[in-house]
C-alpha atoms as a PDB file:
ATOM      1  CA  MET A   1      -0.044   0.162   0.355  1.00  0.00           C
ATOM      2  CA  LYS A   2       1.164   3.039  -1.266  1.00  0.00           C
ATOM      3  CA  VAL A   3       0.251   6.794   0.425  1.00  0.00           C
ATOM      4  CA  CYS A   4      -0.075   9.706  -1.582  1.00  0.00           C
ATOM      5  CA  ILE A   5      -0.993  13.205   0.726  1.00  0.00           C
ATOM      6  CA  ALA A   6      -1.992  16.174  -1.856  1.00  0.00           C
ATOM      7  CA  GLU A   7      -2.491  19.803  -0.611  1.00  0.00           C
ATOM      8  CA  LYS A   8      -6.606  19.980  -1.208  1.00  0.00           C
ATOM      9  CA  PRO A   9      -9.347  17.728  -1.749  1.00  0.00           C
ATOM     10  CA  SER A  10      -9.262  18.761  -5.528  1.00  0.00           C
ATOM     11  CA  VAL A  11      -5.250  17.446  -6.057  1.00  0.00           C
ATOM     12  CA  ALA A  12      -6.522  14.643  -4.457  1.00  0.00           C
ATOM     13  CA  ARG A  13      -9.368  13.123  -6.400  1.00  0.00           C
ATOM     14  CA  GLU A  14      -7.116  14.337  -9.754  1.00  0.00           C
ATOM     15  CA  ILE A  15      -4.168  12.206  -8.459  1.00  0.00           C
ATOM     16  CA  ALA A  16      -6.607   9.213  -7.093  1.00  0.00           C
ATOM     17  CA  GLN A  17      -8.318   9.449 -10.489  1.00  0.00           C
ATOM     18  CA  ILE A  18      -4.900   8.901 -12.317  1.00  0.00           C
ATOM     19  CA  LEU A  19      -3.942   6.323  -9.985  1.00  0.00           C
ATOM     20  CA  GLY A  20      -6.800   3.847 -10.033  1.00  0.00           C
ATOM     21  CA  ALA A  21      -7.978   4.804  -6.592  1.00  0.00           C
ATOM     22  CA  ASN A  22     -11.387   4.980  -7.137  1.00  0.00           C
ATOM     23  CA  ALA A  23     -12.813   3.654  -3.918  1.00  0.00           C
ATOM     24  CA  LYS A  24     -14.548   6.816  -1.270  1.00  0.00           C
ATOM     25  CA  ARG A  25     -13.472   6.384   2.116  1.00  0.00           C
ATOM     26  CA  GLU A  26     -13.517   8.613   5.164  1.00  0.00           C
ATOM     27  CA  GLY A  27     -11.092  10.895   4.721  1.00  0.00           C
ATOM     28  CA  TYR A  28      -9.597   9.456   1.762  1.00  0.00           C
ATOM     29  CA  LEU A  29      -9.654   7.664  -1.823  1.00  0.00           C
ATOM     30  CA  GLU A  30      -8.204   3.764  -2.199  1.00  0.00           C
ATOM     31  CA  GLY A  31      -7.268   1.605  -4.803  1.00  0.00           C
ATOM     32  CA  ASN A  32      -5.150   0.121  -7.189  1.00  0.00           C
ATOM     33  CA  GLY A  33      -2.478  -0.327  -3.971  1.00  0.00           C
ATOM     34  CA  TYR A  34      -2.939   3.484  -2.972  1.00  0.00           C
ATOM     35  CA  ARG A  35      -4.584   5.486  -0.534  1.00  0.00           C
ATOM     36  CA  VAL A  36      -4.990   9.615  -1.619  1.00  0.00           C
ATOM     37  CA  THR A  37      -5.575  11.579   1.282  1.00  0.00           C
ATOM     38  CA  TRP A  38      -5.403  15.691   1.431  1.00  0.00           C
ATOM     39  CA  THR A  39      -4.635  18.370   4.002  1.00  0.00           C
ATOM     40  CA  PHE A  40      -6.080  21.919   4.788  1.00  0.00           C
ATOM     41  CA  GLY A  41      -2.646  23.594   4.814  1.00  0.00           C
ATOM     42  CA  HIS A  42       0.677  22.835   3.465  1.00  0.00           C
ATOM     43  CA  LEU A  43       3.325  20.926   5.611  1.00  0.00           C
ATOM     44  CA  CYS A  44       6.619  22.618   4.296  1.00  0.00           C
ATOM     45  CA  THR A  45       7.195  25.563   2.731  1.00  0.00           C
ATOM     46  CA  LEU A  46       9.790  27.498   1.076  1.00  0.00           C
ATOM     47  CA  ASN A  47      12.567  29.582   2.706  1.00  0.00           C
ATOM     48  CA  GLU A  48      12.162  33.071   2.992  1.00  0.00           C
ATOM     49  CA  PRO A  49      14.576  35.411   0.994  1.00  0.00           C
ATOM     50  CA  ASP A  50      15.874  36.622   4.691  1.00  0.00           C
ATOM     51  CA  ASP A  51      16.607  32.591   5.740  1.00  0.00           C
ATOM     52  CA  TYR A  52      19.561  32.545   3.481  1.00  0.00           C
ATOM     53  CA  THR A  53      20.857  35.978   4.092  1.00  0.00           C
ATOM     54  CA  PRO A  54      19.810  39.434   5.946  1.00  0.00           C
ATOM     55  CA  GLU A  55      20.294  41.255   3.031  1.00  0.00           C
ATOM     56  CA  TRP A  56      17.597  39.982   1.349  1.00  0.00           C
ATOM     57  CA  LYS A  57      14.706  40.591   3.789  1.00  0.00           C
ATOM     58  CA  LYS A  58      14.102  43.847   2.129  1.00  0.00           C
ATOM     59  CA  TRP A  59      13.661  43.349  -1.763  1.00  0.00           C
ATOM     60  CA  ASN A  60      15.563  46.500  -3.862  1.00  0.00           C
ATOM     61  CA  MET A  61      17.067  46.168  -7.199  1.00  0.00           C
ATOM     62  CA  GLY A  62      20.420  46.111  -5.829  1.00  0.00           C
ATOM     63  CA  THR A  63      19.841  42.644  -4.390  1.00  0.00           C
ATOM     64  CA  LEU A  64      18.477  40.832  -7.499  1.00  0.00           C
ATOM     65  CA  PRO A  65      18.314  38.614  -8.991  1.00  0.00           C
ATOM     66  CA  MET A  66      18.573  36.204  -5.763  1.00  0.00           C
ATOM     67  CA  PHE A  67      19.873  32.874  -6.113  1.00  0.00           C
ATOM     68  CA  PRO A  68      20.837  31.031  -3.246  1.00  0.00           C
ATOM     69  CA  GLU A  69      23.221  27.718  -3.368  1.00  0.00           C
ATOM     70  CA  LYS A  70      20.384  25.529  -2.905  1.00  0.00           C
ATOM     71  CA  ILE A  71      16.804  26.083  -2.526  1.00  0.00           C
ATOM     72  CA  GLY A  72      15.700  25.288   1.312  1.00  0.00           C
ATOM     73  CA  ASN A  73      12.280  24.912   3.007  1.00  0.00           C
ATOM     74  CA  HIS A  74      11.411  24.268   6.435  1.00  0.00           C
ATOM     75  CA  GLU A  75       8.287  22.402   8.000  1.00  0.00           C
ATOM     76  CA  SER A  76       4.907  24.292   8.423  1.00  0.00           C
ATOM     77  CA  ASP A  77       3.695  24.820  11.653  1.00  0.00           C
ATOM     78  CA  ILE A  78       1.753  21.741  12.361  1.00  0.00           C
ATOM     79  CA  LYS A  79      -0.932  23.928  14.385  1.00  0.00           C
ATOM     80  CA  SER A  80      -1.910  25.171  10.920  1.00  0.00           C
ATOM     81  CA  VAL A  81      -2.561  22.173   9.033  1.00  0.00           C
ATOM     82  CA  SER A  82      -5.776  19.803   9.547  1.00  0.00           C
ATOM     83  CA  SER A  83      -6.670  16.936   7.629  1.00  0.00           C
ATOM     84  CA  PRO A  84      -9.917  14.912   6.608  1.00  0.00           C
ATOM     85  CA  CYS A  85      -9.247  12.114   8.690  1.00  0.00           C
ATOM     86  CA  CYS A  86      -9.106  13.600  12.025  1.00  0.00           C
ATOM     87  CA  PRO A  87     -12.215  14.908  13.845  1.00  0.00           C
ATOM     88  CA  GLU A  88     -10.441  18.378  15.365  1.00  0.00           C
ATOM     89  CA  LYS A  89     -11.141  21.718  14.073  1.00  0.00           C
ATOM     90  CA  SER A  90      -8.606  23.075  11.984  1.00  0.00           C
ATOM     91  CA  GLY A  91      -5.463  23.730  14.053  1.00  0.00           C
ATOM     92  CA  HIS A  92      -4.848  20.768  16.418  1.00  0.00           C
ATOM     93  CA  GLN A  93      -2.738  18.438  16.038  1.00  0.00           C
ATOM     94  CA  HIS A  94      -3.609  14.918  15.019  1.00  0.00           C
ATOM     95  CA  ILE A  95      -1.958  11.360  15.443  1.00  0.00           C
ATOM     96  CA  PRO A  96      -3.504   8.911  13.720  1.00  0.00           C
ATOM     97  CA  ASP A  97      -4.010   5.861  15.658  1.00  0.00           C
ATOM     98  CA  LYS A  98      -1.998   3.622  13.529  1.00  0.00           C
ATOM     99  CA  SER A  99      -3.955   0.345  14.259  1.00  0.00           C
ATOM    100  CA  LYS A 100      -6.498   1.198  12.246  1.00  0.00           C
ATOM    101  CA  TYR A 101      -4.233   0.956   9.138  1.00  0.00           C
ATOM    102  CA  PRO A 102      -2.463  -2.001   7.302  1.00  0.00           C
ATOM    103  CA  ALA A 103       1.429  -1.982   7.447  1.00  0.00           C
ATOM    104  CA  ALA A 104       2.775  -0.806   4.048  1.00  0.00           C
END
């Protein structure tokens, strides 16, 4: 079983259609060896320009173009992410009960 996590329900439906995961379940779509679910919020975000160097905090023509050596990202604050599989309202962390899901 492979799990795909999409950024929102509409993207999850498109991915599921391509993968053949057409069975609707509570909080996910399943089929063809896949489970496709979604979140309401970003799990990670790209770094802001000033995360690379303080000179990039205020944009001006003198600092353009900005080319960091390596593009970075960081985890989003989990409190801002929600998922259809959790009964809590957005803003609450959800730790799923792993016993409900078969091992991959």
